[in-house]
Amino acid sequence: MSIARKKLNVSSSISYNKNVVPGFTNTEFTIWNASISQRLLKGNNLEAKLSALDLLRQNKGIINYGNGNTLTTGAVNVLRQYFILTVAYYPRKFGKE
């Protein structure tokens, strides 16, 4: 889902993951990420963006590995919930003097 205005953008995404292997415990988790960004300056050349990742604090990933007649599957811990602030500048003066 994304809500966009001329200079403001709010977005959110949810990913549901389920790994089912007969004879093993099911692995299920949901990852929810969200961000908000704002364009600044006269030509919208500067962007400030705040992102929040893994809002539900699931901290999980799935590992599947097959070799010969052996299948390995399970859940692994990945990056914890974190926030990131990004600032980007876009000059947009290509071919202009």
PDB file of N, CA and C in Angstrom:
ATOM      1  N   MET A   1       0.847  -1.163   0.000  1.00  0.00           N
ATOM      2  CA  MET A   1       0.000   0.000   0.000  1.00  0.00           C
ATOM      3  C   MET A   1       0.895   1.228   0.000  1.00  0.00           C
ATOM      4  N   SER A   2       0.496   2.231  -0.775  1.00  0.00           N
ATOM      5  CA  SER A   2       1.277   3.443  -0.851  1.00  0.00           C
ATOM      6  C   SER A   2       0.335   4.639  -0.985  1.00  0.00           C
ATOM      7  N   ILE A   3       0.610   5.670  -0.227  1.00  0.00           N
ATOM      8  CA  ILE A   3      -0.149   6.915  -0.321  1.00  0.00           C
ATOM      9  C   ILE A   3       0.840   7.977  -0.763  1.00  0.00           C
ATOM     10  N   ALA A   4       0.544   8.643  -1.874  1.00  0.00           N
ATOM     11  CA  ALA A   4       1.488   9.623  -2.397  1.00  0.00           C
ATOM     12  C   ALA A   4       0.809  10.970  -2.605  1.00  0.00           C
ATOM     13  N   ARG A   5       1.468  11.995  -2.193  1.00  0.00           N
ATOM     14  CA  ARG A   5       1.087  13.366  -2.484  1.00  0.00           C
ATOM     15  C   ARG A   5       2.189  13.911  -3.375  1.00  0.00           C
ATOM     16  N   LYS A   6       2.096  15.174  -3.729  1.00  0.00           N
ATOM     17  CA  LYS A   6       3.105  15.737  -4.615  1.00  0.00           C
ATOM     18  C   LYS A   6       4.510  15.603  -4.032  1.00  0.00           C
ATOM     19  N   LYS A   7       4.685  15.848  -2.739  1.00  0.00           N
ATOM     20  CA  LYS A   7       6.013  15.787  -2.127  1.00  0.00           C
ATOM     21  C   LYS A   7       6.129  14.774  -0.992  1.00  0.00           C
ATOM     22  N   LEU A   8       5.025  14.191  -0.547  1.00  0.00           N
ATOM     23  CA  LEU A   8       5.018  13.265   0.579  1.00  0.00           C
ATOM     24  C   LEU A   8       4.572  11.885   0.113  1.00  0.00           C
ATOM     25  N   ASN A   9       5.295  10.867   0.541  1.00  0.00           N
ATOM     26  CA  ASN A   9       4.956   9.497   0.169  1.00  0.00           C
ATOM     27  C   ASN A   9       4.997   8.619   1.428  1.00  0.00           C
ATOM     28  N   VAL A  10       3.904   7.908   1.691  1.00  0.00           N
ATOM     29  CA  VAL A  10       3.821   6.970   2.806  1.00  0.00           C
ATOM     30  C   VAL A  10       3.564   5.594   2.212  1.00  0.00           C
ATOM     31  N   SER A  11       4.377   4.604   2.594  1.00  0.00           N
ATOM     32  CA  SER A  11       4.170   3.261   2.049  1.00  0.00           C
ATOM     33  C   SER A  11       4.314   2.210   3.144  1.00  0.00           C
ATOM     34  N   SER A  12       3.695   1.072   2.901  1.00  0.00           N
ATOM     35  CA  SER A  12       3.699  -0.025   3.843  1.00  0.00           C
ATOM     36  C   SER A  12       3.597  -1.334   3.068  1.00  0.00           C
ATOM     37  N   SER A  13       4.291  -2.356   3.538  1.00  0.00           N
ATOM     38  CA  SER A  13       4.187  -3.669   2.891  1.00  0.00           C
ATOM     39  C   SER A  13       4.195  -4.755   3.959  1.00  0.00           C
ATOM     40  N   ILE A  14       3.386  -5.780   3.725  1.00  0.00           N
ATOM     41  CA  ILE A  14       3.306  -6.923   4.631  1.00  0.00           C
ATOM     42  C   ILE A  14       3.551  -8.187   3.816  1.00  0.00           C
ATOM     43  N   SER A  15       4.425  -9.039   4.328  1.00  0.00           N
ATOM     44  CA  SER A  15       4.759 -10.294   3.659  1.00  0.00           C
ATOM     45  C   SER A  15       4.536 -11.442   4.635  1.00  0.00           C
ATOM     46  N   TYR A  16       3.621 -12.360   4.281  1.00  0.00           N
ATOM     47  CA  TYR A  16       3.353 -13.537   5.111  1.00  0.00           C
ATOM     48  C   TYR A  16       4.136 -14.706   4.526  1.00  0.00           C
ATOM     49  N   ASN A  17       4.912 -15.376   5.347  1.00  0.00           N
ATOM     50  CA  ASN A  17       5.758 -16.485   4.901  1.00  0.00           C
ATOM     51  C   ASN A  17       5.387 -17.749   5.670  1.00  0.00           C
ATOM     52  N   LYS A  18       5.238 -18.847   4.939  1.00  0.00           N
ATOM     53  CA  LYS A  18       4.916 -20.129   5.575  1.00  0.00           C
ATOM     54  C   LYS A  18       5.685 -21.227   4.838  1.00  0.00           C
ATOM     55  N   ASN A  19       6.393 -22.040   5.604  1.00  0.00           N
ATOM     56  CA  ASN A  19       7.153 -23.146   5.053  1.00  0.00           C
ATOM     57  C   ASN A  19       6.604 -24.435   5.648  1.00  0.00           C
ATOM     58  N   VAL A  20       6.053 -25.295   4.792  1.00  0.00           N
ATOM     59  CA  VAL A  20       5.468 -26.556   5.243  1.00  0.00           C
ATOM     60  C   VAL A  20       6.247 -27.710   4.621  1.00  0.00           C
ATOM     61  N   VAL A  21       6.805 -28.546   5.480  1.00  0.00           N
ATOM     62  CA  VAL A  21       7.525 -29.735   5.038  1.00  0.00           C
ATOM     63  C   VAL A  21       6.972 -30.911   5.837  1.00  0.00           C
ATOM     64  N   PRO A  22       6.452 -31.937   5.161  1.00  0.00           N
ATOM     65  CA  PRO A  22       5.906 -33.088   5.893  1.00  0.00           C
ATOM     66  C   PRO A  22       6.936 -33.682   6.858  1.00  0.00           C
ATOM     67  N   GLY A  23       6.512 -33.927   8.083  1.00  0.00           N
ATOM     68  CA  GLY A  23       7.392 -34.509   9.090  1.00  0.00           C
ATOM     69  C   GLY A  23       8.165 -33.489   9.910  1.00  0.00           C
ATOM     70  N   PHE A  24       8.048 -32.215   9.546  1.00  0.00           N
ATOM     71  CA  PHE A  24       8.741 -31.159  10.275  1.00  0.00           C
ATOM     72  C   PHE A  24       7.719 -30.157  10.816  1.00  0.00           C
ATOM     73  N   THR A  25       8.135 -29.351  11.776  1.00  0.00           N
ATOM     74  CA  THR A  25       7.285 -28.292  12.312  1.00  0.00           C
ATOM     75  C   THR A  25       7.155 -27.182  11.272  1.00  0.00           C
ATOM     76  N   ASN A  26       5.931 -26.682  11.064  1.00  0.00           N
ATOM     77  CA  ASN A  26       5.718 -25.575  10.130  1.00  0.00           C
ATOM     78  C   ASN A  26       6.409 -24.312  10.642  1.00  0.00           C
ATOM     79  N   THR A  27       6.951 -23.546   9.721  1.00  0.00           N
ATOM     80  CA  THR A  27       7.579 -22.276  10.050  1.00  0.00           C
ATOM     81  C   THR A  27       6.736 -21.167   9.442  1.00  0.00           C
ATOM     82  N   GLU A  28       6.220 -20.270  10.278  1.00  0.00           N
ATOM     83  CA  GLU A  28       5.371 -19.176   9.808  1.00  0.00           C
ATOM     84  C   GLU A  28       5.821 -17.866  10.440  1.00  0.00           C
ATOM     85  N   PHE A  29       5.838 -16.807   9.649  1.00  0.00           N
ATOM     86  CA  PHE A  29       6.114 -15.481  10.181  1.00  0.00           C
ATOM     87  C   PHE A  29       5.631 -14.417   9.202  1.00  0.00           C
ATOM     88  N   THR A  30       5.391 -13.225   9.728  1.00  0.00           N
ATOM     89  CA  THR A  30       4.921 -12.095   8.939  1.00  0.00           C
ATOM     90  C   THR A  30       5.903 -10.939   9.102  1.00  0.00           C
ATOM     91  N   ILE A  31       6.318 -10.368   7.996  1.00  0.00           N
ATOM     92  CA  ILE A  31       7.221  -9.219   8.018  1.00  0.00           C
ATOM     93  C   ILE A  31       6.444  -7.992   7.561  1.00  0.00           C
ATOM     94  N   TRP A  32       6.491  -6.931   8.361  1.00  0.00           N
ATOM     95  CA  TRP A  32       5.803  -5.687   8.023  1.00  0.00           C
ATOM     96  C   TRP A  32       6.825  -4.560   8.007  1.00  0.00           C
ATOM     97  N   ASN A  33       6.933  -3.892   6.859  1.00  0.00           N
ATOM     98  CA  ASN A  33       7.830  -2.756   6.684  1.00  0.00           C
ATOM     99  C   ASN A  33       7.007  -1.520   6.336  1.00  0.00           C
ATOM    100  N   ALA A  34       7.461  -0.354   6.779  1.00  0.00           N
ATOM    101  CA  ALA A  34       6.768   0.898   6.463  1.00  0.00           C
ATOM    102  C   ALA A  34       7.798   2.001   6.268  1.00  0.00           C
ATOM    103  N   SER A  35       7.430   3.003   5.469  1.00  0.00           N
ATOM    104  CA  SER A  35       8.330   4.140   5.274  1.00  0.00           C
ATOM    105  C   SER A  35       7.532   5.392   4.956  1.00  0.00           C
ATOM    106  N   ILE A  36       8.167   6.524   5.215  1.00  0.00           N
ATOM    107  CA  ILE A  36       7.601   7.822   4.870  1.00  0.00           C
ATOM    108  C   ILE A  36       8.746   8.656   4.297  1.00  0.00           C
ATOM    109  N   SER A  37       8.476   9.313   3.169  1.00  0.00           N
ATOM    110  CA  SER A  37       9.508  10.139   2.555  1.00  0.00           C
ATOM    111  C   SER A  37       8.927  11.501   2.191  1.00  0.00           C
ATOM    112  N   GLN A  38       9.801  12.486   2.190  1.00  0.00           N
ATOM    113  CA  GLN A  38       9.410  13.858   1.896  1.00  0.00           C
ATOM    114  C   GLN A  38      10.407  14.429   0.898  1.00  0.00           C
ATOM    115  N   ARG A  39       9.897  15.001  -0.202  1.00  0.00           N
ATOM    116  CA  ARG A  39      10.736  15.700  -1.175  1.00  0.00           C
ATOM    117  C   ARG A  39      10.848  17.152  -0.750  1.00  0.00           C
ATOM    118  N   LEU A  40      12.047  17.689  -0.846  1.00  0.00           N
ATOM    119  CA  LEU A  40      12.317  19.046  -0.405  1.00  0.00           C
ATOM    120  C   LEU A  40      12.992  19.847  -1.514  1.00  0.00           C
ATOM    121  N   LEU A  41      13.126  21.116  -1.332  1.00  0.00           N
ATOM    122  CA  LEU A  41      13.723  22.093  -2.244  1.00  0.00           C
ATOM    123  C   LEU A  41      12.801  22.385  -3.424  1.00  0.00           C
ATOM    124  N   LYS A  42      13.138  23.418  -4.165  1.00  0.00           N
ATOM    125  CA  LYS A  42      12.284  23.909  -5.244  1.00  0.00           C
ATOM    126  C   LYS A  42      12.007  22.848  -6.318  1.00  0.00           C
ATOM    127  N   GLY A  43      13.030  22.145  -6.748  1.00  0.00           N
ATOM    128  CA  GLY A  43      12.861  21.145  -7.805  1.00  0.00           C
ATOM    129  C   GLY A  43      12.665  19.731  -7.293  1.00  0.00           C
ATOM    130  N   ASN A  44      12.281  19.572  -6.036  1.00  0.00           N
ATOM    131  CA  ASN A  44      12.140  18.237  -5.414  1.00  0.00           C
ATOM    132  C   ASN A  44      13.437  17.436  -5.508  1.00  0.00           C
ATOM    133  N   ASN A  45      14.563  18.133  -5.425  1.00  0.00           N
ATOM    134  CA  ASN A  45      15.873  17.486  -5.592  1.00  0.00           C
ATOM    135  C   ASN A  45      16.369  16.757  -4.353  1.00  0.00           C
ATOM    136  N   LEU A  46      15.835  17.067  -3.199  1.00  0.00           N
ATOM    137  CA  LEU A  46      16.301  16.469  -1.953  1.00  0.00           C
ATOM    138  C   LEU A  46      15.190  15.598  -1.378  1.00  0.00           C
ATOM    139  N   GLU A  47      15.553  14.388  -0.988  1.00  0.00           N
ATOM    140  CA  GLU A  47      14.567  13.471  -0.402  1.00  0.00           C
ATOM    141  C   GLU A  47      15.063  12.983   0.950  1.00  0.00           C
ATOM    142  N   ALA A  48      14.213  13.077   1.959  1.00  0.00           N
ATOM    143  CA  ALA A  48      14.484  12.518   3.279  1.00  0.00           C
ATOM    144  C   ALA A  48      13.470  11.395   3.500  1.00  0.00           C
ATOM    145  N   LYS A  49      13.974  10.231   3.901  1.00  0.00           N
ATOM    146  CA  LYS A  49      13.106   9.056   4.042  1.00  0.00           C
ATOM    147  C   LYS A  49      13.408   8.345   5.361  1.00  0.00           C
ATOM    148  N   LEU A  50      12.353   8.022   6.103  1.00  0.00           N
ATOM    149  CA  LEU A  50      12.472   7.242   7.331  1.00  0.00           C
ATOM    150  C   LEU A  50      11.780   5.906   7.102  1.00  0.00           C
ATOM    151  N   SER A  51      12.529   4.823   7.283  1.00  0.00           N
ATOM    152  CA  SER A  51      11.988   3.475   7.091  1.00  0.00           C
ATOM    153  C   SER A  51      12.034   2.703   8.397  1.00  0.00           C
ATOM    154  N   ALA A  52      10.982   1.933   8.645  1.00  0.00           N
ATOM    155  CA  ALA A  52      10.908   1.049   9.806  1.00  0.00           C
ATOM    156  C   ALA A  52      10.736  -0.369   9.264  1.00  0.00           C
ATOM    157  N   LEU A  53      11.668  -1.248   9.595  1.00  0.00           N
ATOM    158  CA  LEU A  53      11.647  -2.601   9.063  1.00  0.00           C
ATOM    159  C   LEU A  53      11.418  -3.619  10.168  1.00  0.00           C
ATOM    160  N   ASP A  54      10.632  -4.632   9.857  1.00  0.00           N
ATOM    161  CA  ASP A  54      10.232  -5.694  10.792  1.00  0.00           C
ATOM    162  C   ASP A  54       9.503  -5.114  12.008  1.00  0.00           C
ATOM    163  N   LEU A  55       8.432  -4.381  11.742  1.00  0.00           N
ATOM    164  CA  LEU A  55       7.661  -3.744  12.813  1.00  0.00           C
ATOM    165  C   LEU A  55       7.070  -4.738  13.809  1.00  0.00           C
ATOM    166  N   LEU A  56       6.819  -5.964  13.390  1.00  0.00           N
ATOM    167  CA  LEU A  56       6.227  -6.976  14.282  1.00  0.00           C
ATOM    168  C   LEU A  56       7.282  -7.753  15.066  1.00  0.00           C
ATOM    169  N   ARG A  57       8.537  -7.401  14.880  1.00  0.00           N
ATOM    170  CA  ARG A  57       9.667  -8.032  15.572  1.00  0.00           C
ATOM    171  C   ARG A  57       9.690  -9.559  15.420  1.00  0.00           C
ATOM    172  N   GLN A  58       9.492 -10.025  14.216  1.00  0.00           N
ATOM    173  CA  GLN A  58       9.505 -11.464  13.960  1.00  0.00           C
ATOM    174  C   GLN A  58      10.925 -12.013  13.934  1.00  0.00           C
ATOM    175  N   ASN A  59      11.876 -11.257  13.380  1.00  0.00           N
ATOM    176  CA  ASN A  59      13.287 -11.633  13.433  1.00  0.00           C
ATOM    177  C   ASN A  59      13.542 -13.049  12.908  1.00  0.00           C
ATOM    178  N   LYS A  60      12.816 -13.451  11.836  1.00  0.00           N
ATOM    179  CA  LYS A  60      12.955 -14.820  11.333  1.00  0.00           C
ATOM    180  C   LYS A  60      13.174 -14.859   9.830  1.00  0.00           C
ATOM    181  N   GLY A  61      13.796 -15.920   9.399  1.00  0.00           N
ATOM    182  CA  GLY A  61      13.964 -16.232   7.991  1.00  0.00           C
ATOM    183  C   GLY A  61      13.876 -17.741   7.849  1.00  0.00           C
ATOM    184  N   ILE A  62      13.725 -18.226   6.617  1.00  0.00           N
ATOM    185  CA  ILE A  62      13.612 -19.664   6.360  1.00  0.00           C
ATOM    186  C   ILE A  62      14.863 -20.134   5.638  1.00  0.00           C
ATOM    187  N   ILE A  63      15.382 -21.285   6.047  1.00  0.00           N
ATOM    188  CA  ILE A  63      16.527 -21.878   5.371  1.00  0.00           C
ATOM    189  C   ILE A  63      16.096 -23.223   4.782  1.00  0.00           C
ATOM    190  N   ASN A  64      16.377 -23.418   3.519  1.00  0.00           N
ATOM    191  CA  ASN A  64      16.134 -24.689   2.832  1.00  0.00           C
ATOM    192  C   ASN A  64      17.411 -25.067   2.095  1.00  0.00           C
ATOM    193  N   TYR A  65      17.861 -26.280   2.314  1.00  0.00           N
ATOM    194  CA  TYR A  65      19.098 -26.724   1.678  1.00  0.00           C
ATOM    195  C   TYR A  65      18.953 -28.196   1.315  1.00  0.00           C
ATOM    196  N   GLY A  66      19.240 -28.524   0.085  1.00  0.00           N
ATOM    197  CA  GLY A  66      19.173 -29.911  -0.355  1.00  0.00           C
ATOM    198  C   GLY A  66      20.500 -30.361  -0.917  1.00  0.00           C
ATOM    199  N   ASN A  67      20.933 -31.570  -0.538  1.00  0.00           N
ATOM    200  CA  ASN A  67      22.176 -32.129  -1.039  1.00  0.00           C
ATOM    201  C   ASN A  67      22.007 -33.637  -1.141  1.00  0.00           C
ATOM    202  N   GLY A  68      22.060 -34.155  -2.350  1.00  0.00           N
ATOM    203  CA  GLY A  68      21.864 -35.584  -2.540  1.00  0.00           C
ATOM    204  C   GLY A  68      20.464 -35.987  -2.121  1.00  0.00           C
ATOM    205  N   ASN A  69      20.359 -36.919  -1.175  1.00  0.00           N
ATOM    206  CA  ASN A  69      19.063 -37.371  -0.670  1.00  0.00           C
ATOM    207  C   ASN A  69      18.702 -36.725   0.662  1.00  0.00           C
ATOM    208  N   THR A  70      19.366 -35.647   1.009  1.00  0.00           N
ATOM    209  CA  THR A  70      19.142 -35.003   2.296  1.00  0.00           C
ATOM    210  C   THR A  70      18.536 -33.622   2.098  1.00  0.00           C
ATOM    211  N   LEU A  71      17.481 -33.321   2.858  1.00  0.00           N
ATOM    212  CA  LEU A  71      16.840 -32.017   2.831  1.00  0.00           C
ATOM    213  C   LEU A  71      16.910 -31.404   4.230  1.00  0.00           C
ATOM    214  N   THR A  72      17.444 -30.211   4.302  1.00  0.00           N
ATOM    215  CA  THR A  72      17.524 -29.487   5.564  1.00  0.00           C
ATOM    216  C   THR A  72      16.603 -28.286   5.467  1.00  0.00           C
ATOM    217  N   THR A  73      15.741 -28.101   6.464  1.00  0.00           N
ATOM    218  CA  THR A  73      14.833 -26.962   6.490  1.00  0.00           C
ATOM    219  C   THR A  73      14.693 -26.460   7.911  1.00  0.00           C
ATOM    220  N   GLY A  74      14.445 -25.180   8.057  1.00  0.00           N
ATOM    221  CA  GLY A  74      14.275 -24.636   9.396  1.00  0.00           C
ATOM    222  C   GLY A  74      14.178 -23.129   9.387  1.00  0.00           C
ATOM    223  N   ALA A  75      14.123 -22.560  10.572  1.00  0.00           N
ATOM    224  CA  ALA A  75      14.042 -21.117  10.747  1.00  0.00           C
ATOM    225  C   ALA A  75      15.371 -20.619  11.297  1.00  0.00           C
ATOM    226  N   VAL A  76      15.771 -19.454  10.832  1.00  0.00           N
ATOM    227  CA  VAL A  76      17.004 -18.839  11.311  1.00  0.00           C
ATOM    228  C   VAL A  76      16.696 -17.420  11.769  1.00  0.00           C
ATOM    229  N   ASN A  77      17.477 -16.924  12.690  1.00  0.00           N
ATOM    230  CA  ASN A  77      17.334 -15.534  13.123  1.00  0.00           C
ATOM    231  C   ASN A  77      18.042 -14.629  12.126  1.00  0.00           C
ATOM    232  N   VAL A  78      17.414 -13.512  11.821  1.00  0.00           N
ATOM    233  CA  VAL A  78      17.977 -12.538  10.895  1.00  0.00           C
ATOM    234  C   VAL A  78      18.046 -11.180  11.606  1.00  0.00           C
ATOM    235  N   LEU A  79      18.280 -10.123  10.868  1.00  0.00           N
ATOM    236  CA  LEU A  79      18.353  -8.796  11.475  1.00  0.00           C
ATOM    237  C   LEU A  79      17.135  -8.506  12.331  1.00  0.00           C
ATOM    238  N   ARG A  80      17.340  -7.855  13.423  1.00  0.00           N
ATOM    239  CA  ARG A  80      16.230  -7.441  14.287  1.00  0.00           C
ATOM    240  C   ARG A  80      15.557  -6.209  13.704  1.00  0.00           C
ATOM    241  N   GLN A  81      14.477  -5.816  14.341  1.00  0.00           N
ATOM    242  CA  GLN A  81      13.769  -4.603  13.932  1.00  0.00           C
ATOM    243  C   GLN A  81      14.754  -3.435  13.919  1.00  0.00           C
ATOM    244  N   TYR A  82      14.695  -2.644  12.863  1.00  0.00           N
ATOM    245  CA  TYR A  82      15.556  -1.475  12.816  1.00  0.00           C
ATOM    246  C   TYR A  82      14.900  -0.345  12.029  1.00  0.00           C
ATOM    247  N   PHE A  83      15.428   0.842  12.242  1.00  0.00           N
ATOM    248  CA  PHE A  83      14.952   2.052  11.588  1.00  0.00           C
ATOM    249  C   PHE A  83      16.125   2.657  10.840  1.00  0.00           C
ATOM    250  N   ILE A  84      15.852   3.247   9.688  1.00  0.00           N
ATOM    251  CA  ILE A  84      16.920   3.838   8.896  1.00  0.00           C
ATOM    252  C   ILE A  84      16.445   5.179   8.336  1.00  0.00           C
ATOM    253  N   LEU A  85      17.304   6.171   8.436  1.00  0.00           N
ATOM    254  CA  LEU A  85      17.035   7.491   7.879  1.00  0.00           C
ATOM    255  C   LEU A  85      17.946   7.665   6.667  1.00  0.00           C
ATOM    256  N   THR A  86      17.351   7.967   5.524  1.00  0.00           N
ATOM    257  CA  THR A  86      18.092   8.120   4.281  1.00  0.00           C
ATOM    258  C   THR A  86      17.886   9.532   3.751  1.00  0.00           C
ATOM    259  N   VAL A  87      18.972  10.146   3.322  1.00  0.00           N
ATOM    260  CA  VAL A  87      18.904  11.453   2.678  1.00  0.00           C
ATOM    261  C   VAL A  87      19.569  11.317   1.313  1.00  0.00           C
ATOM    262  N   ALA A  88      18.844  11.719   0.263  1.00  0.00           N
ATOM    263  CA  ALA A  88      19.370  11.609  -1.094  1.00  0.00           C
ATOM    264  C   ALA A  88      19.188  12.935  -1.827  1.00  0.00           C
ATOM    265  N   TYR A  89      20.188  13.281  -2.635  1.00  0.00           N
ATOM    266  CA  TYR A  89      20.123  14.502  -3.445  1.00  0.00           C
ATOM    267  C   TYR A  89      20.211  14.113  -4.913  1.00  0.00           C
ATOM    268  N   TYR A  90      19.292  14.620  -5.719  1.00  0.00           N
ATOM    269  CA  TYR A  90      19.239  14.343  -7.148  1.00  0.00           C
ATOM    270  C   TYR A  90      19.476  15.649  -7.907  1.00  0.00           C
ATOM    271  N   PRO A  91      20.656  15.857  -8.522  1.00  0.00           N
ATOM    272  CA  PRO A  91      20.975  17.140  -9.157  1.00  0.00           C
ATOM    273  C   PRO A  91      20.077  17.486 -10.341  1.00  0.00           C
ATOM    274  N   ARG A  92      19.684  16.559 -11.166  1.00  0.00           N
ATOM    275  CA  ARG A  92      18.789  16.760 -12.311  1.00  0.00           C
ATOM    276  C   ARG A  92      19.173  17.929 -13.216  1.00  0.00           C
ATOM    277  N   LYS A  93      20.431  18.026 -13.545  1.00  0.00           N
ATOM    278  CA  LYS A  93      20.888  19.070 -14.458  1.00  0.00           C
ATOM    279  C   LYS A  93      21.624  18.448 -15.638  1.00  0.00           C
ATOM    280  N   PHE A  94      21.185  17.313 -16.082  1.00  0.00           N
ATOM    281  CA  PHE A  94      21.843  16.623 -17.184  1.00  0.00           C
ATOM    282  C   PHE A  94      21.642  17.371 -18.472  1.00  0.00           C
ATOM    283  N   GLY A  95      22.713  17.731 -19.144  1.00  0.00           N
ATOM    284  CA  GLY A  95      22.647  18.405 -20.434  1.00  0.00           C
ATOM    285  C   GLY A  95      22.327  19.884 -20.348  1.00  0.00           C
ATOM    286  N   LYS A  96      22.199  20.440 -19.171  1.00  0.00           N
ATOM    287  CA  LYS A  96      21.885  21.856 -19.013  1.00  0.00           C
ATOM    288  C   LYS A  96      23.140  22.613 -18.575  1.00  0.00           C
ATOM    289  N   GLU A  97      23.239  23.848 -19.004  1.00  0.00           N
ATOM    290  CA  GLU A  97      24.394  24.663 -18.593  1.00  0.00           C
ATOM    291  C   GLU A  97      23.951  25.897 -17.875  1.00  0.00           C
TER     292      GLU A  97
END
